[in-house]
C-alpha atoms as a PDB file:
ATOM      1  CA  UNK A   1      14.327  20.844  -5.444  1.00  0.00           C
ATOM      2  CA  UNK A   2      12.266  17.804  -4.421  1.00  0.00           C
ATOM      3  CA  UNK A   3      13.494  14.246  -4.268  1.00  0.00           C
ATOM      4  CA  UNK A   4      13.420  12.642  -7.721  1.00  0.00           C
ATOM      5  CA  UNK A   5      14.000   9.031  -6.701  1.00  0.00           C
ATOM      6  CA  UNK A   6      17.341   8.701  -8.522  1.00  0.00           C
ATOM      7  CA  UNK A   7      19.278   8.144  -5.280  1.00  0.00           C
ATOM      8  CA  UNK A   8      18.363   6.747  -1.842  1.00  0.00           C
ATOM      9  CA  UNK A   9      16.306   9.293   0.067  1.00  0.00           C
ATOM     10  CA  UNK A  10      18.196  10.756   3.048  1.00  0.00           C
ATOM     11  CA  UNK A  11      15.741  13.351   4.325  1.00  0.00           C
ATOM     12  CA  UNK A  12      15.611  17.143   3.959  1.00  0.00           C
ATOM     13  CA  UNK A  13      18.721  19.262   4.241  1.00  0.00           C
ATOM     14  CA  UNK A  14      19.490  21.045   7.490  1.00  0.00           C
ATOM     15  CA  UNK A  15      17.371  24.144   7.922  1.00  0.00           C
ATOM     16  CA  UNK A  16      14.849  23.127   5.270  1.00  0.00           C
ATOM     17  CA  UNK A  17      11.127  22.571   5.683  1.00  0.00           C
ATOM     18  CA  UNK A  18       9.734  19.090   6.233  1.00  0.00           C
ATOM     19  CA  UNK A  19       9.892  16.935   3.138  1.00  0.00           C
ATOM     20  CA  UNK A  20       6.512  15.965   1.694  1.00  0.00           C
ATOM     21  CA  UNK A  21       6.375  12.665  -0.150  1.00  0.00           C
ATOM     22  CA  UNK A  22       3.644  10.712  -1.883  1.00  0.00           C
ATOM     23  CA  UNK A  23       2.976   7.016  -1.319  1.00  0.00           C
ATOM     24  CA  UNK A  24       0.367   4.843  -3.003  1.00  0.00           C
ATOM     25  CA  UNK A  25      -1.649   2.244  -1.111  1.00  0.00           C
ATOM     26  CA  UNK A  26      -2.543  -0.407  -3.671  1.00  0.00           C
ATOM     27  CA  UNK A  27      -3.829  -3.944  -4.030  1.00  0.00           C
ATOM     28  CA  UNK A  28      -6.802  -5.917  -5.202  1.00  0.00           C
ATOM     29  CA  UNK A  29     -10.480  -5.373  -4.583  1.00  0.00           C
ATOM     30  CA  UNK A  30     -11.411  -5.518  -0.888  1.00  0.00           C
ATOM     31  CA  UNK A  31      -7.949  -6.171   0.584  1.00  0.00           C
ATOM     32  CA  UNK A  32      -8.052  -3.226   3.009  1.00  0.00           C
ATOM     33  CA  UNK A  33      -6.678  -0.138   1.235  1.00  0.00           C
ATOM     34  CA  UNK A  34      -9.376   2.231   2.500  1.00  0.00           C
ATOM     35  CA  UNK A  35      -9.057   0.668   5.951  1.00  0.00           C
ATOM     36  CA  UNK A  36      -5.310   1.317   6.090  1.00  0.00           C
ATOM     37  CA  UNK A  37      -5.589   4.934   4.988  1.00  0.00           C
ATOM     38  CA  UNK A  38      -8.319   5.540   7.554  1.00  0.00           C
ATOM     39  CA  UNK A  39      -6.380   3.803  10.334  1.00  0.00           C
ATOM     40  CA  UNK A  40      -3.188   5.784   9.931  1.00  0.00           C
ATOM     41  CA  UNK A  41      -4.240   9.204   8.620  1.00  0.00           C
ATOM     42  CA  UNK A  42      -3.904  12.061  11.129  1.00  0.00           C
ATOM     43  CA  UNK A  43      -6.614  13.998   9.293  1.00  0.00           C
ATOM     44  CA  UNK A  44     -10.071  12.845   8.333  1.00  0.00           C
ATOM     45  CA  UNK A  45      -9.367  10.882   5.145  1.00  0.00           C
ATOM     46  CA  UNK A  46     -10.957  11.872   1.858  1.00  0.00           C
ATOM     47  CA  UNK A  47     -12.872   8.889   0.548  1.00  0.00           C
ATOM     48  CA  UNK A  48     -14.688   8.243  -2.717  1.00  0.00           C
ATOM     49  CA  UNK A  49     -16.673   5.182  -1.711  1.00  0.00           C
ATOM     50  CA  UNK A  50     -19.970   4.192  -3.246  1.00  0.00           C
ATOM     51  CA  UNK A  51     -22.329   1.366  -2.386  1.00  0.00           C
ATOM     52  CA  UNK A  52     -22.010  -1.772  -4.457  1.00  0.00           C
ATOM     53  CA  UNK A  53     -25.032  -2.374  -6.654  1.00  0.00           C
ATOM     54  CA  UNK A  54     -26.303  -5.121  -8.909  1.00  0.00           C
ATOM     55  CA  UNK A  55     -24.323  -3.438 -11.689  1.00  0.00           C
ATOM     56  CA  UNK A  56     -21.142  -4.899 -10.196  1.00  0.00           C
ATOM     57  CA  UNK A  57     -22.441  -8.471 -10.320  1.00  0.00           C
ATOM     58  CA  UNK A  58     -20.389 -10.443 -12.827  1.00  0.00           C
ATOM     59  CA  UNK A  59     -17.954  -7.517 -13.166  1.00  0.00           C
ATOM     60  CA  UNK A  60     -16.185  -7.307  -9.795  1.00  0.00           C
ATOM     61  CA  UNK A  61     -14.735 -10.454  -8.235  1.00  0.00           C
ATOM     62  CA  UNK A  62     -16.550 -10.781  -4.903  1.00  0.00           C
ATOM     63  CA  UNK A  63     -15.065 -14.158  -3.964  1.00  0.00           C
ATOM     64  CA  UNK A  64     -14.079 -14.169  -0.314  1.00  0.00           C
ATOM     65  CA  UNK A  65     -15.465 -10.692   0.425  1.00  0.00           C
ATOM     66  CA  UNK A  66     -19.207 -11.265   0.326  1.00  0.00           C
ATOM     67  CA  UNK A  67     -19.752  -8.928   3.300  1.00  0.00           C
ATOM     68  CA  UNK A  68     -18.315  -5.890   1.474  1.00  0.00           C
ATOM     69  CA  UNK A  69     -20.990  -3.265   0.715  1.00  0.00           C
ATOM     70  CA  UNK A  70     -18.969  -0.261  -0.526  1.00  0.00           C
ATOM     71  CA  UNK A  71     -16.070   0.259  -2.908  1.00  0.00           C
ATOM     72  CA  UNK A  72     -13.578   3.016  -3.780  1.00  0.00           C
ATOM     73  CA  UNK A  73     -14.349   4.487  -7.192  1.00  0.00           C
ATOM     74  CA  UNK A  74     -11.589   7.120  -7.436  1.00  0.00           C
ATOM     75  CA  UNK A  75      -9.105   7.225  -4.570  1.00  0.00           C
ATOM     76  CA  UNK A  76      -8.630   7.553  -0.832  1.00  0.00           C
ATOM     77  CA  UNK A  77      -6.459  10.353   0.504  1.00  0.00           C
ATOM     78  CA  UNK A  78      -4.800  10.748   3.893  1.00  0.00           C
ATOM     79  CA  UNK A  79      -1.772  12.277   5.593  1.00  0.00           C
ATOM     80  CA  UNK A  80       0.623  11.173   8.311  1.00  0.00           C
ATOM     81  CA  UNK A  81       3.600  12.953   9.884  1.00  0.00           C
ATOM     82  CA  UNK A  82       6.360  10.366  10.157  1.00  0.00           C
ATOM     83  CA  UNK A  83       8.778  12.788  11.849  1.00  0.00           C
ATOM     84  CA  UNK A  84       9.323  16.574  12.084  1.00  0.00           C
ATOM     85  CA  UNK A  85      11.279  16.205   8.844  1.00  0.00           C
ATOM     86  CA  UNK A  86       8.894  14.014   6.870  1.00  0.00           C
ATOM     87  CA  UNK A  87       5.203  14.233   6.000  1.00  0.00           C
ATOM     88  CA  UNK A  88       3.674  11.470   3.887  1.00  0.00           C
ATOM     89  CA  UNK A  89       0.602  11.902   1.705  1.00  0.00           C
ATOM     90  CA  UNK A  90      -1.258   8.661   1.076  1.00  0.00           C
ATOM     91  CA  UNK A  91      -3.251   7.904  -2.054  1.00  0.00           C
ATOM     92  CA  UNK A  92      -5.312   4.723  -1.968  1.00  0.00           C
ATOM     93  CA  UNK A  93      -6.004   3.285  -5.403  1.00  0.00           C
ATOM     94  CA  UNK A  94      -9.256   1.687  -6.564  1.00  0.00           C
ATOM     95  CA  UNK A  95      -8.976  -2.079  -6.676  1.00  0.00           C
ATOM     96  CA  UNK A  96     -11.332  -3.161  -9.439  1.00  0.00           C
ATOM     97  CA  UNK A  97      -9.902  -3.842 -12.877  1.00  0.00           C
ATOM     98  CA  UNK A  98     -12.419  -1.460 -14.455  1.00  0.00           C
ATOM     99  CA  UNK A  99     -10.849   1.514 -12.590  1.00  0.00           C
ATOM    100  CA  UNK A 100      -7.219   0.697 -13.413  1.00  0.00           C
ATOM    101  CA  UNK A 101      -7.053   3.458 -16.013  1.00  0.00           C
ATOM    102  CA  UNK A 102      -6.751   5.875 -13.063  1.00  0.00           C
ATOM    103  CA  UNK A 103      -3.528   4.331 -11.767  1.00  0.00           C
ATOM    104  CA  UNK A 104      -1.329   6.001 -14.384  1.00  0.00           C
ATOM    105  CA  UNK A 105      -2.423   9.390 -13.056  1.00  0.00           C
ATOM    106  CA  UNK A 106      -2.270   8.466  -9.377  1.00  0.00           C
ATOM    107  CA  UNK A 107       1.292   7.136  -9.685  1.00  0.00           C
ATOM    108  CA  UNK A 108       2.707  10.455 -10.926  1.00  0.00           C
ATOM    109  CA  UNK A 109       5.118  11.814  -8.312  1.00  0.00           C
ATOM    110  CA  UNK A 110       4.881   8.769  -6.051  1.00  0.00           C
ATOM    111  CA  UNK A 111       8.164   7.694  -4.459  1.00  0.00           C
ATOM    112  CA  UNK A 112       6.950   4.297  -3.301  1.00  0.00           C
ATOM    113  CA  UNK A 113       3.969   2.100  -2.629  1.00  0.00           C
ATOM    114  CA  UNK A 114       2.409  -0.387  -0.260  1.00  0.00           C
ATOM    115  CA  UNK A 115       0.822  -3.416  -1.914  1.00  0.00           C
ATOM    116  CA  UNK A 116      -1.741  -4.961   0.430  1.00  0.00           C
ATOM    117  CA  UNK A 117      -2.280  -8.686   0.110  1.00  0.00           C
ATOM    118  CA  UNK A 118      -4.993 -10.979   1.455  1.00  0.00           C
ATOM    119  CA  UNK A 119      -3.740 -14.549   1.919  1.00  0.00           C
ATOM    120  CA  UNK A 120      -7.215 -15.821   1.027  1.00  0.00           C
ATOM    121  CA  UNK A 121      -6.921 -14.168  -2.407  1.00  0.00           C
ATOM    122  CA  UNK A 122      -3.235 -13.663  -3.148  1.00  0.00           C
ATOM    123  CA  UNK A 123      -3.921 -13.593  -6.878  1.00  0.00           C
ATOM    124  CA  UNK A 124      -5.638 -10.225  -6.416  1.00  0.00           C
ATOM    125  CA  UNK A 125      -2.211  -8.695  -5.671  1.00  0.00           C
ATOM    126  CA  UNK A 126      -0.524  -9.774  -8.910  1.00  0.00           C
ATOM    127  CA  UNK A 127      -1.721  -6.782 -10.922  1.00  0.00           C
ATOM    128  CA  UNK A 128      -0.442  -4.192  -8.439  1.00  0.00           C
ATOM    129  CA  UNK A 129       2.924  -5.934  -8.070  1.00  0.00           C
ATOM    130  CA  UNK A 130       3.373  -6.080 -11.854  1.00  0.00           C
ATOM    131  CA  UNK A 131       2.376  -2.416 -12.154  1.00  0.00           C
ATOM    132  CA  UNK A 132       5.072  -1.174  -9.761  1.00  0.00           C
ATOM    133  CA  UNK A 133       7.745  -3.604 -10.950  1.00  0.00           C
ATOM    134  CA  UNK A 134       7.236  -2.518 -14.554  1.00  0.00           C
ATOM    135  CA  UNK A 135       7.603   1.147 -13.592  1.00  0.00           C
ATOM    136  CA  UNK A 136      10.567   0.656 -11.278  1.00  0.00           C
ATOM    137  CA  UNK A 137       8.708   2.029  -8.260  1.00  0.00           C
ATOM    138  CA  UNK A 138       9.862   0.539  -4.935  1.00  0.00           C
ATOM    139  CA  UNK A 139       7.197  -1.094  -2.803  1.00  0.00           C
ATOM    140  CA  UNK A 140       6.648  -3.220   0.265  1.00  0.00           C
ATOM    141  CA  UNK A 141       4.003  -5.898   0.705  1.00  0.00           C
ATOM    142  CA  UNK A 142       1.657  -5.738   3.697  1.00  0.00           C
ATOM    143  CA  UNK A 143      -0.236  -8.965   4.371  1.00  0.00           C
ATOM    144  CA  UNK A 144      -3.526  -7.957   5.973  1.00  0.00           C
ATOM    145  CA  UNK A 145      -4.136 -10.510   8.725  1.00  0.00           C
ATOM    146  CA  UNK A 146      -7.830  -9.996   9.427  1.00  0.00           C
ATOM    147  CA  UNK A 147      -8.572 -10.532  13.127  1.00  0.00           C
ATOM    148  CA  UNK A 148      -4.951 -11.565  13.625  1.00  0.00           C
ATOM    149  CA  UNK A 149      -5.230 -14.694  11.470  1.00  0.00           C
ATOM    150  CA  UNK A 150      -1.899 -15.865  10.037  1.00  0.00           C
ATOM    151  CA  UNK A 151      -3.000 -18.283   7.342  1.00  0.00           C
ATOM    152  CA  UNK A 152       0.361 -18.381   5.532  1.00  0.00           C
ATOM    153  CA  UNK A 153       3.956 -17.783   6.522  1.00  0.00           C
ATOM    154  CA  UNK A 154       6.015 -14.929   5.092  1.00  0.00           C
ATOM    155  CA  UNK A 155       8.070 -17.433   3.113  1.00  0.00           C
ATOM    156  CA  UNK A 156       4.890 -18.928   1.613  1.00  0.00           C
ATOM    157  CA  UNK A 157       3.613 -15.474   0.636  1.00  0.00           C
ATOM    158  CA  UNK A 158       6.942 -14.526  -0.954  1.00  0.00           C
ATOM    159  CA  UNK A 159       6.973 -17.736  -2.952  1.00  0.00           C
ATOM    160  CA  UNK A 160       3.323 -17.449  -4.022  1.00  0.00           C
ATOM    161  CA  UNK A 161       3.782 -13.850  -5.193  1.00  0.00           C
ATOM    162  CA  UNK A 162       7.179 -14.605  -6.778  1.00  0.00           C
ATOM    163  CA  UNK A 163       8.643 -11.530  -5.077  1.00  0.00           C
ATOM    164  CA  UNK A 164      12.146 -10.205  -5.494  1.00  0.00           C
ATOM    165  CA  UNK A 165      14.097 -11.028  -2.280  1.00  0.00           C
ATOM    166  CA  UNK A 166      14.711  -7.293  -1.803  1.00  0.00           C
ATOM    167  CA  UNK A 167      10.996  -6.576  -1.304  1.00  0.00           C
ATOM    168  CA  UNK A 168      10.058  -6.424   2.404  1.00  0.00           C
ATOM    169  CA  UNK A 169       6.970  -8.286   3.610  1.00  0.00           C
ATOM    170  CA  UNK A 170       5.111  -7.369   6.787  1.00  0.00           C
ATOM    171  CA  UNK A 171       2.146  -9.115   8.375  1.00  0.00           C
ATOM    172  CA  UNK A 172      -0.479  -7.632  10.672  1.00  0.00           C
ATOM    173  CA  UNK A 173      -4.029  -6.369  11.053  1.00  0.00           C
ATOM    174  CA  UNK A 174      -4.064  -3.079   9.155  1.00  0.00           C
ATOM    175  CA  UNK A 175      -7.088  -1.841  11.059  1.00  0.00           C
ATOM    176  CA  UNK A 176      -4.680  -0.991  13.876  1.00  0.00           C
ATOM    177  CA  UNK A 177      -2.908   2.349  13.557  1.00  0.00           C
ATOM    178  CA  UNK A 178       0.404   1.045  14.905  1.00  0.00           C
ATOM    179  CA  UNK A 179       0.475  -1.771  12.338  1.00  0.00           C
ATOM    180  CA  UNK A 180      -0.248   0.550   9.406  1.00  0.00           C
ATOM    181  CA  UNK A 181       2.307   3.046  10.721  1.00  0.00           C
ATOM    182  CA  UNK A 182       4.971   0.330  10.900  1.00  0.00           C
ATOM    183  CA  UNK A 183       4.263  -0.608   7.285  1.00  0.00           C
ATOM    184  CA  UNK A 184       4.867   2.992   6.192  1.00  0.00           C
ATOM    185  CA  UNK A 185       8.043   3.208   8.280  1.00  0.00           C
ATOM    186  CA  UNK A 186       9.237   0.029   6.590  1.00  0.00           C
ATOM    187  CA  UNK A 187       8.668   1.638   3.191  1.00  0.00           C
ATOM    188  CA  UNK A 188      10.613   4.727   4.289  1.00  0.00           C
ATOM    189  CA  UNK A 189      13.485   2.489   5.468  1.00  0.00           C
ATOM    190  CA  UNK A 190      13.303   0.619   2.148  1.00  0.00           C
ATOM    191  CA  UNK A 191      13.699   3.883   0.235  1.00  0.00           C
ATOM    192  CA  UNK A 192      16.509   5.157   2.449  1.00  0.00           C
ATOM    193  CA  UNK A 193      18.417   1.896   2.017  1.00  0.00           C
ATOM    194  CA  UNK A 194      18.153   2.244  -1.729  1.00  0.00           C
ATOM    195  CA  UNK A 195      16.007  -0.925  -1.828  1.00  0.00           C
ATOM    196  CA  UNK A 196      19.120  -2.825  -2.877  1.00  0.00           C
ATOM    197  CA  UNK A 197      19.604  -5.198   0.027  1.00  0.00           C
ATOM    198  CA  UNK A 198      17.806  -8.453   0.689  1.00  0.00           C
ATOM    199  CA  UNK A 199      14.703  -7.652   2.722  1.00  0.00           C
ATOM    200  CA  UNK A 200      14.433  -8.451   6.396  1.00  0.00           C
ATOM    201  CA  UNK A 201      11.261 -10.444   6.894  1.00  0.00           C
ATOM    202  CA  UNK A 202       9.247  -9.632   9.974  1.00  0.00           C
ATOM    203  CA  UNK A 203       5.763  -9.554  11.373  1.00  0.00           C
ATOM    204  CA  UNK A 204       4.249  -6.453  12.932  1.00  0.00           C
ATOM    205  CA  UNK A 205       1.531  -5.706  15.446  1.00  0.00           C
END
């Protein structure tokens, strides 16, 4: 029987095959979800990106991401082996409000999530945070520090997002595999601890 999320996850039983779990990579439009999946996946990620067109003008919020030319219209998919006992399947969600109807399907079977935040547009993370809080799905917040820029402290981000003190926050450039891997390891630790203790705040990368 697979893990149902009712108790802290403690890994597969002795002699069993590696546990396979599903994590969502979520956040607002253009925060770096596709980038994270691509950085950490050990297989060529499945992507459903399309070029932005004039049809998105006035529909998608492009503030702060004027250089973006493509967008995820369904999901991103990747895989990473955390240990011989644990394989994680990653599902990156679309960020635009007009594709949110897909989230209810993507969340089925997910044990946890990473919410990616951009300090230049923290408000774009509110929807994802509310989504997981309302469904009781544990998550960590990864602040994507583009080019290593730390524009806000962890305390400032926690306050701005009004996060529960039990939610871990990590900061780093998610284009780097080691940074994205550390975020996923933090989520695994969060699940194993039962996400009941006050989070340890730390930067990564």
